Amino acid sequence: MAWSAEKNQTMEITKPPEAEEGLVMDSSVDYKGRLPRRASTGCWKSSLFIIVIEFAERLSYFGLSTNLIIYLTQVLRQDLKTAVRNVNYWSGVTAVIPLLGGFMADAYSGRYAAVVASSLIYIVGLLLLTMSQLIPGLKPCNQDEPDSAACRRSLSAHAIAFFVAMYLISFGTGGHKPSLESFGADQFDDNDAVERRQKMSFFNWWNFGLCSGMIIGVTFVVYLAVNVGWWVGSALLTSIMAVSLVIFIAGRTVYRYRAPEGSPFTPMMQVAVAAMAKRRMALPLDASELYELRKTEQKKRLLYHTDRLKFLDKAAVIEHKGDEAAFAPEKSNPWRLATVTRVEELKLVLSMIPVWVTAMPFGMCVVQTNTFFVKQCSVSDRRFGHFTIPAASVFCVTATGMLLTVTFYDKVLIPLLRRSTGSVRAISILKRIGIGMTIVTVGMATAALVERRRLNEAAEGRNVSLLWMLPQFFILGIGDGFTLVGLQEYFYEQVPDGMRSLGIAFYLSVLGIPNFICNLLITIVDRITSQGSNGSWFAKDLNDSRVDLYYWLLAAISSANLCAYVFIAKGYSYKRVQRKVADSDSHQMDAQI
C-alpha cells in the first residue's frame, strides 16, 4: 500500500502580549474563571489526574465486560446465542450512549461536570451490582437445585437487579468516556508548539493507562470474581472507582476548563439554510471574498477555506458587498450569512461520515474478543499445573499487544520517522488507522484457522491448549494499538472545537454500533444456515457450531471494506487551522493516503 507524503505550511504570526506573560490564549479558563497560567495549569501536571480515573474506569469496565459472557451462561444459565446477544446489546448501548453524553457535555454541562456526574452514576451501578450478589432476596440461587421453583424465582429477581445495575454502568460510561478523554486533551494548547507535540503523545499514554487498567481488570479482578466470589470483584471495583473520583476532584485547581458553547448543531443548520437560500448566487473567483471574522473579533480558532463541498461556500457569500447599510442586518443574521469557519466546520462533520462508516467493520471484528473469543477459551484446556486460568483473563493478551504497540509507536517508530521525514506527525492519522484495519483483518483470519483446529480436536474428544488462542488476541491488540488510538485522535482533532466530546463519542460508537450489526448478522446467518443439512453456524454448544466460518465472513467483510477505506482516505482533506505560532509542522494540510 503506497502512501503519499504530508504537506506542511509555515505561518508566521506574532504571539499576543498575553502569551509572553505566560497566559494560555486558547479560550480555556482556570478553576476561578480566569485566563490559565501556562506554568501552573494543564499539560502533564493535570493530565495525570485524568489518566488515573481513566485507569480506574477501564479496570472496572473490562473487569465486568470480559467476564459477562461467562456470568450469563454459568450464573444466569443462558444459552450461547442469548448470552452473546445480551453481551452485544449491553456493549452496544454502552458505546452508543456517549453520543448523548458527549452532546450534553459540549452544549450544556461542560466536560468536568459531566465526568463527575457520570462517575457518580457509575458508582451507584457498581453498588447495586454488589448488593445483587449479597442480599439474600436478590442473589442467585444455589447451583445444587437449579430446576426448583424457588431457584427460578431467585434467578429472575437477580437478573432484574443485575441488568438494572449493568445498564446504570452503561449510562455512567455514556457521560464519562467522551467527556474525560476530550477534557484530558483540552489540557494542551494547540497554539503552543511544545504543547501540541505533547498532545500527540497524550493519546498514546492515555491508552497506556487504559491498557494497564484493562490488564489488571481481566486478570486480578476476574480471578477474584471467579475463584473467590462475584461480589468480591464488584465490591473492589466500587471502591476503586470511588477513590479515583476523589483523586480526580483533587486536581481541579490545575485543570484548564472550556465553557459549553450551546448546541453544536445549530450553527451547522444555519450554514445549510444560508447555502440553500443563496443557491442561485455565483461563488466569487477569489475565496478571500467570502465572509470571515477578523481574528480580533472572536476567541475561536479560525479555519482556512477548502475547495471540498463548494456548494456550502454559498452560505459565506456576501449579498450586499459595498453597501454598509444593507450589510449590517445581513451580517447580524446567521441564518443568512455564515463565516468561512462555520462553513468549514460543517464540511468537517460531513467529511467524517464516510470514515466513520468504513470504521464499522473494524469494530465488528474487535467486539468478538468479548464474546466468541472468550467462549472459545472457556472450552479449551486452561490448566497450567495446579492453576486454571479464567477464560476472560486471556483478554489481557489483547491489552498487552496494544500496550506494546503504543509504546513502540511513541518511543521508537515516531522518533525514527520524524528524523527521516522531517514531519512532527510522521504518520498521518488515516494512515495509522488503515494499518490497524489491515492487521485486524489478518487477526480474524488467524482466529478462523485456530477455531477450525479446535473443532477438529473436539471431534476426537480432545481440548486444545489455551496457548492456541493467544495469537488471535495478540494480533487484534496490535491492530487496536494503531486503529483505536488513531480513531481517538481523528475524532478529537477533526471535529469543530465546540464538539470535541461529541467527537470522542463518535469514536466510541465505532465500538458500539458494530455490536448491533453483529447481532443482526448472527440472526441472518443463523436463519439461513439453520435450513441447511449441516445445521446452524451457532448451535447451543460451541463444539457443534461453525464459528470459524463466521470469522471468515468477518474477515471477508473487513477486506472489502479496507478497499473502500483506502479510496476515501486518499481523497480526504484534513482540518486546516490558522495557528498563532510559527512552526514548520504547525499546519498539516491535506495529508493523504
Foldseek 3Di string as FASTA:
>chain_A
DDFDFFDFDWDDFADDPVVVVQFFQQQWAAPVRHGDGNVQAFDPVQLVLLLLLLLLLLLLVLLPLLCQLVCCCPQLNDFQLVSLLVSLQLLQLLLQLLLVLLQCCLAPDPLVRLQLVLLVLLLVLLVLQLCLCPPVQRRADDPVCCPDPVRVNNSVSNVVSNVVSSVSNSNSSSNNQLSSVLQNLVSFRLQDPVSVLSSLLSLLVSLLSSLVSNLCSLAVLNCCCVPVHVSVSSVVSSVSSVVSSVSSVVSRRRGITHHRDHGPVVLVQLLVLQLVVQQVDDDDPDLVQFDADDCVVDSHFAFDADDPPCSSSSLRHQPDPPDVVVRVVQVVRSSNHPHRRSSVLSVLVVLCVLVLVLLQLVLLLVVVSSRVLLVLQVQAQQDDDPDGGRSSSLLSLLSVLLSVLSCCVVPPVQVVQCVVPVASRSADLLRLQLVLLVLSLVLLLLVLVLLVVQLVQVVVVHGHHSVSSNVSSNSNSNSCNRNLSSQLCCLQQSHGVSSNSSSNSSSSSSNNVSSVVVSVVQVVQQVVQCPDPLHGQDDSDPSSHNVSVVSVVSSVVSVVSSVVSLVSQQQDWGIATDHNHTDRNSGTTPRGD
